[in-house]
């Protein structure tokens, strides 16, 4: 049942490949047989990209909103309600 589901999912035009592959799969019947290794890629550290800057901006904006929200709550608690309502009427 799972094989049929996975086959159907792979052959789907929207989410999967949409057709069968054009290349042959290499079958290795035992664990002792291996294929040749390709060229190894060296990993080097790169400068952070634009995504990191975007995440930092979102984090900063969220921090500002939270800080201003907390400040507004404390300011509302400091001002007595009768003086606040009197100032609103004038």
Protein backbone atom coordinates (compact mmCIF):
# COMPACT_ATOMS: atom_id res chain seq x y z
CA UNK A 1 0.00 0.00 0.00
CA UNK A 2 2.87 2.38 0.83
CA UNK A 3 4.64 1.56 -2.45
CA UNK A 4 1.56 2.51 -4.43
CA UNK A 5 1.20 5.74 -2.44
CA UNK A 6 4.85 6.71 -2.91
CA UNK A 7 4.75 5.86 -6.61
CA UNK A 8 1.60 7.94 -7.03
CA UNK A 9 3.22 10.81 -5.10
CA UNK A 10 6.39 10.70 -7.23
CA UNK A 11 4.46 10.62 -10.49
CA UNK A 12 2.28 13.58 -9.50
CA UNK A 13 2.65 16.55 -11.87
CA UNK A 14 2.28 19.19 -9.13
CA UNK A 15 4.29 17.78 -6.22
CA UNK A 16 6.46 15.04 -7.69
CA UNK A 17 8.66 14.40 -10.70
CA UNK A 18 5.75 13.94 -13.06
CA UNK A 19 7.40 11.10 -15.01
CA UNK A 20 9.79 8.20 -14.65
CA UNK A 21 13.53 8.87 -14.64
CA UNK A 22 15.58 8.83 -17.85
CA UNK A 23 18.69 7.33 -16.24
CA UNK A 24 19.51 3.85 -15.02
CA UNK A 25 19.84 3.12 -11.35
CA UNK A 26 22.99 1.24 -10.40
CA UNK A 27 22.28 -1.84 -8.32
CA UNK A 28 24.92 -2.89 -5.76
CA UNK A 29 23.91 -6.32 -4.45
CA UNK A 30 26.44 -6.50 -1.58
CA UNK A 31 27.85 -4.08 0.93
CA UNK A 32 31.45 -4.71 -0.16
CA UNK A 33 30.91 -3.27 -3.63
CA UNK A 34 31.12 0.51 -3.81
CA UNK A 35 31.28 3.18 -6.46
CA UNK A 36 34.11 5.64 -6.96
CA UNK A 37 34.10 8.74 -4.81
CA UNK A 38 33.56 12.06 -6.50
CA UNK A 39 35.48 15.26 -5.88
CA UNK A 40 35.24 16.35 -2.28
CA UNK A 41 34.00 19.82 -1.63
CA UNK A 42 35.81 21.88 0.94
CA UNK A 43 33.59 23.77 3.33
CA UNK A 44 34.70 27.26 4.07
CA UNK A 45 33.02 29.83 6.24
CA UNK A 46 31.33 32.59 4.29
CA UNK A 47 29.97 35.91 5.35
CA UNK A 48 26.35 35.90 6.46
CA UNK A 49 23.97 36.60 3.60
CA UNK A 50 20.91 38.73 3.18
CA UNK A 51 18.73 36.19 5.00
CA UNK A 52 20.71 36.66 8.21
CA UNK A 53 20.26 40.41 7.96
CA UNK A 54 16.52 39.93 7.46
CA UNK A 55 16.28 37.67 10.51
CA UNK A 56 18.20 40.21 12.58
CA UNK A 57 15.82 42.96 11.43
CA UNK A 58 12.76 40.90 12.37
CA UNK A 59 14.25 40.09 15.76
CA UNK A 60 14.99 43.77 16.37
CA UNK A 61 11.47 44.84 15.32
CA UNK A 62 9.92 42.20 17.60
CA UNK A 63 12.09 43.40 20.50
CA UNK A 64 11.05 47.02 19.92
CA UNK A 65 7.34 46.11 19.84
CA UNK A 66 7.62 44.07 23.05
CA UNK A 67 9.59 46.83 24.81
CA UNK A 68 7.12 49.53 23.79
CA UNK A 69 4.19 47.33 24.84
CA UNK A 70 5.68 46.75 28.29
CA UNK A 71 6.48 50.47 28.63
CA UNK A 72 2.88 51.35 27.72
CA UNK A 73 1.51 48.97 30.36
CA UNK A 74 3.78 50.40 33.07
CA UNK A 75 2.95 53.97 32.04
CA UNK A 76 -0.77 53.19 32.23
CA UNK A 77 -0.33 51.80 35.74
CA UNK A 78 1.65 54.86 36.90
CA UNK A 79 -0.97 57.40 35.85
CA UNK A 80 -3.93 57.40 38.27
CA UNK A 81 -7.17 56.70 36.42
CA UNK A 82 -9.05 59.74 37.82
CA UNK A 83 -6.36 62.17 36.58
CA UNK A 84 -6.24 60.43 33.21
CA UNK A 85 -10.01 60.66 32.73
CA UNK A 86 -9.99 64.32 33.86
CA UNK A 87 -7.27 65.14 31.32
CA UNK A 88 -9.29 63.44 28.56
CA UNK A 89 -12.38 65.59 29.29
CA UNK A 90 -10.52 68.89 29.12
